[in-house]
């Protein structure tokens, strides 16, 4: 389970957060508590999280219900986006329109002079894999992170070309995506979900 953090003030203002350490709003805390009650029903075996407050505080809500420790990792932080951080969407378009357009086309862009998406995947995906490898068969790992970091991690684990990672839609606050191991590697079984996964009946049949 790759779970995005709850709402922040910068989310509401449509400001690019990146690695800036912004706390949850009251709404964000409520979102985390609601989602944690659902995810706790899946009896997770381990929780890892970005060490930024918005993710760590979201993870803490699930930890409180499951009595599991949360292992924090700097490598699960959101993309560092340099000069873009703190700017609204409109301000980014006005100041860095060409860079933004190139990024949306799938070109490798250091947004605001920051990290490439592939570099985010390089640091985040191995942490997820290492934690998953420690699980028993059928075990459940919850990864609490950020929208961009989760998208790049999913893209890397599914073996998608980085130019197509943008085709994975965004995650709403406190929604999650579910990956499972199939016969040919990782599979995306849920995306941007806010309800518990349902069994897939008659898949490919």
Protein backbone atom coordinates (compact mmCIF):
# COMPACT_ATOMS: atom_id res chain seq x y z
CA UNK A 1 0.00 0.00 0.00
CA UNK A 2 1.47 3.35 -1.03
CA UNK A 3 -0.43 5.95 0.99
CA UNK A 4 -0.27 9.69 0.38
CA UNK A 5 -0.26 12.05 3.35
CA UNK A 6 -3.23 14.14 4.46
CA UNK A 7 -4.04 17.68 3.39
CA UNK A 8 -1.71 20.61 4.06
CA UNK A 9 -2.26 24.35 3.71
CA UNK A 10 0.00 24.36 0.65
CA UNK A 11 -2.13 21.65 -0.95
CA UNK A 12 -5.16 23.91 -0.57
CA UNK A 13 -3.23 26.89 -1.98
CA UNK A 14 -1.88 24.72 -4.83
CA UNK A 15 1.70 25.47 -3.85
CA UNK A 16 4.44 23.08 -4.90
CA UNK A 17 5.66 21.58 -1.63
CA UNK A 18 8.50 19.34 -2.71
CA UNK A 19 10.79 18.65 0.22
CA UNK A 20 9.54 21.65 2.24
CA UNK A 21 8.36 20.38 5.63
CA UNK A 22 4.73 21.52 5.78
CA UNK A 23 2.41 20.20 8.55
CA UNK A 24 -1.07 18.74 8.14
CA UNK A 25 -4.13 20.94 8.47
CA UNK A 26 -6.95 19.95 10.83
CA UNK A 27 -8.67 18.48 7.78
CA UNK A 28 -5.52 16.55 6.97
CA UNK A 29 -5.40 15.04 10.45
CA UNK A 30 -9.06 14.01 10.14
CA UNK A 31 -8.34 12.45 6.73
CA UNK A 32 -5.42 10.50 8.19
CA UNK A 33 -7.54 9.20 11.07
CA UNK A 34 -10.34 8.07 8.75
CA UNK A 35 -7.97 6.35 6.34
CA UNK A 36 -6.00 4.76 9.18
CA UNK A 37 -9.15 3.05 10.46
CA UNK A 38 -9.65 1.48 7.03
CA UNK A 39 -6.03 0.43 6.55
CA UNK A 40 -5.83 -1.01 10.06
CA UNK A 41 -8.53 -3.49 9.03
CA UNK A 42 -6.03 -4.99 6.56
CA UNK A 43 -3.76 -5.94 9.49
CA UNK A 44 -0.56 -4.47 8.04
CA UNK A 45 2.72 -6.05 9.04
CA UNK A 46 5.02 -3.04 8.66
CA UNK A 47 4.90 0.72 8.15
CA UNK A 48 7.62 2.86 6.58
CA UNK A 49 7.33 6.58 5.99
CA UNK A 50 8.91 9.71 4.65
CA UNK A 51 10.42 11.65 7.53
CA UNK A 52 8.65 14.88 6.54
CA UNK A 53 5.98 15.88 9.08
CA UNK A 54 2.98 15.59 6.82
CA UNK A 55 3.81 11.96 6.05
CA UNK A 56 5.13 11.05 9.51
CA UNK A 57 2.02 12.42 11.22
CA UNK A 58 -0.21 10.52 8.78
CA UNK A 59 1.72 7.32 9.48
CA UNK A 60 1.40 7.91 13.22
CA UNK A 61 -2.37 7.60 13.00
CA UNK A 62 -2.06 4.07 11.60
CA UNK A 63 0.68 3.18 14.07
CA UNK A 64 -1.58 4.17 16.95
CA UNK A 65 -4.23 1.69 15.79
CA UNK A 66 -1.91 -1.19 14.94
CA UNK A 67 0.83 -0.85 17.60
CA UNK A 68 3.37 -1.08 14.78
CA UNK A 69 6.51 1.07 14.77
CA UNK A 70 7.00 3.51 11.91
CA UNK A 71 10.42 3.39 10.26
CA UNK A 72 11.23 6.84 8.80
CA UNK A 73 13.34 7.30 5.66
CA UNK A 74 14.64 10.49 4.12
CA UNK A 75 14.64 8.60 0.82
CA UNK A 76 10.84 8.55 0.77
CA UNK A 77 10.61 12.35 0.73
CA UNK A 78 8.89 14.22 -2.06
CA UNK A 79 10.89 15.41 -5.07
CA UNK A 80 13.22 18.31 -4.29
CA UNK A 81 12.13 20.99 -6.76
CA UNK A 82 14.44 23.88 -5.96
CA UNK A 83 13.03 27.24 -7.04
CA UNK A 84 9.58 25.78 -7.69
CA UNK A 85 9.02 25.01 -4.03
CA UNK A 86 6.55 27.40 -2.41
CA UNK A 87 5.23 28.68 -5.75
CA UNK A 88 1.65 28.25 -6.84
CA UNK A 89 0.77 26.42 -10.04
CA UNK A 90 0.06 29.75 -11.74
CA UNK A 91 3.40 31.20 -10.61
CA UNK A 92 5.30 28.18 -11.92
CA UNK A 93 3.60 28.51 -15.32
CA UNK A 94 4.37 32.23 -15.44
CA UNK A 95 8.04 31.92 -14.45
CA UNK A 96 9.01 28.48 -15.72
CA UNK A 97 6.51 27.80 -18.48
CA UNK A 98 8.96 26.12 -20.89
CA UNK A 99 10.37 23.92 -18.15
CA UNK A 100 6.88 22.94 -17.01
CA UNK A 101 5.77 22.11 -20.55
CA UNK A 102 8.87 19.99 -21.17
CA UNK A 103 8.26 18.07 -17.95
CA UNK A 104 4.64 17.40 -18.93
CA UNK A 105 5.89 16.07 -22.30
CA UNK A 106 7.88 13.47 -20.38
CA UNK A 107 11.30 15.02 -20.83
CA UNK A 108 13.84 14.63 -18.00
CA UNK A 109 13.60 18.02 -16.29
CA UNK A 110 15.22 19.27 -13.11
CA UNK A 111 12.22 21.27 -11.99
CA UNK A 112 13.46 24.45 -10.36
CA UNK A 113 16.98 23.05 -10.50
CA UNK A 114 16.00 20.09 -8.32
CA UNK A 115 15.84 16.32 -8.74
CA UNK A 116 14.97 14.32 -11.81
CA UNK A 117 12.02 11.97 -11.39
CA UNK A 118 14.34 9.04 -12.09
CA UNK A 119 16.53 10.16 -9.19
CA UNK A 120 13.52 10.12 -6.88
CA UNK A 121 12.77 6.57 -8.03
CA UNK A 122 16.43 5.64 -7.51
CA UNK A 123 16.19 6.52 -3.82
CA UNK A 124 12.60 5.56 -3.02
CA UNK A 125 11.93 2.30 -4.89
CA UNK A 126 14.83 0.33 -3.31
CA UNK A 127 13.56 1.25 0.17
CA UNK A 128 10.11 -0.08 -0.69
CA UNK A 129 11.54 -3.27 -2.17
CA UNK A 130 13.82 -3.88 0.79
CA UNK A 131 10.93 -3.47 3.24
CA UNK A 132 8.67 -5.71 1.14
CA UNK A 133 11.35 -8.40 1.02
CA UNK A 134 11.23 -8.66 4.82
CA UNK A 135 7.53 -9.60 4.80
CA UNK A 136 6.24 -13.13 5.08
CA UNK A 137 4.19 -14.43 2.13
CA UNK A 138 0.92 -12.50 2.01
CA UNK A 139 2.27 -9.77 4.25
CA UNK A 140 1.13 -6.14 3.95
CA UNK A 141 3.53 -3.18 3.86
CA UNK A 142 2.21 0.37 4.18
CA UNK A 143 4.43 3.06 2.66
CA UNK A 144 3.49 6.62 3.65
CA UNK A 145 4.89 9.15 1.23
CA UNK A 146 4.01 11.90 -1.26
CA UNK A 147 2.17 12.07 -4.57
CA UNK A 148 5.18 12.54 -6.83
CA UNK A 149 7.42 10.12 -4.96
CA UNK A 150 4.70 7.47 -5.01
CA UNK A 151 4.11 7.92 -8.75
CA UNK A 152 7.81 7.52 -9.57
CA UNK A 153 8.07 4.49 -7.29
CA UNK A 154 5.09 2.82 -8.94
CA UNK A 155 6.51 3.58 -12.38
CA UNK A 156 9.85 2.06 -11.44
CA UNK A 157 8.37 -1.06 -9.83
CA UNK A 158 6.08 -1.70 -12.81
CA UNK A 159 9.00 -1.31 -15.21
CA UNK A 160 7.38 1.56 -17.09
CA UNK A 161 9.46 3.90 -19.20
CA UNK A 162 10.01 7.15 -17.26
CA UNK A 163 8.48 9.15 -20.10
CA UNK A 164 5.15 7.45 -19.35
CA UNK A 165 5.11 7.89 -15.55
CA UNK A 166 2.92 10.96 -15.91
CA UNK A 167 0.19 8.66 -17.29
CA UNK A 168 -0.31 7.41 -13.74
CA UNK A 169 -2.94 9.78 -12.37
CA UNK A 170 -2.33 11.73 -9.19
CA UNK A 171 -3.25 10.66 -5.68
CA UNK A 172 -5.77 12.59 -3.61
CA UNK A 173 -4.82 13.40 -0.03
CA UNK A 174 -4.87 10.26 2.12
CA UNK A 175 -5.68 7.97 -0.79
CA UNK A 176 -3.49 5.04 -1.71
CA UNK A 177 -2.35 2.69 -4.42
CA UNK A 178 -1.93 -1.06 -4.02
CA UNK A 179 0.81 -3.12 -5.63
CA UNK A 180 1.01 -6.88 -5.49
CA UNK A 181 3.44 -9.43 -6.83
CA UNK A 182 2.10 -11.37 -9.80
CA UNK A 183 3.51 -14.12 -11.97
CA UNK A 184 5.35 -11.57 -14.14
CA UNK A 185 6.39 -9.10 -11.47
CA UNK A 186 4.64 -6.23 -9.75
CA UNK A 187 1.04 -5.38 -10.60
CA UNK A 188 -0.95 -2.24 -9.84
CA UNK A 189 -4.23 -3.52 -8.41
CA UNK A 190 -5.69 -0.28 -6.96
CA UNK A 191 -4.89 3.37 -7.69
CA UNK A 192 -6.03 6.54 -5.91
CA UNK A 193 -8.30 4.42 -3.73
CA UNK A 194 -10.07 5.57 -0.58
CA UNK A 195 -11.92 2.35 0.15
CA UNK A 196 -10.64 -1.11 1.01
CA UNK A 197 -9.59 -3.29 -1.94
CA UNK A 198 -12.19 -5.74 -3.21
CA UNK A 199 -11.26 -9.17 -4.59
CA UNK A 200 -10.94 -9.23 -8.38
CA UNK A 201 -13.32 -11.83 -9.76
CA UNK A 202 -12.86 -13.28 -13.23
CA UNK A 203 -9.68 -11.34 -13.97
CA UNK A 204 -8.63 -11.93 -17.61
CA UNK A 205 -11.33 -14.58 -17.93
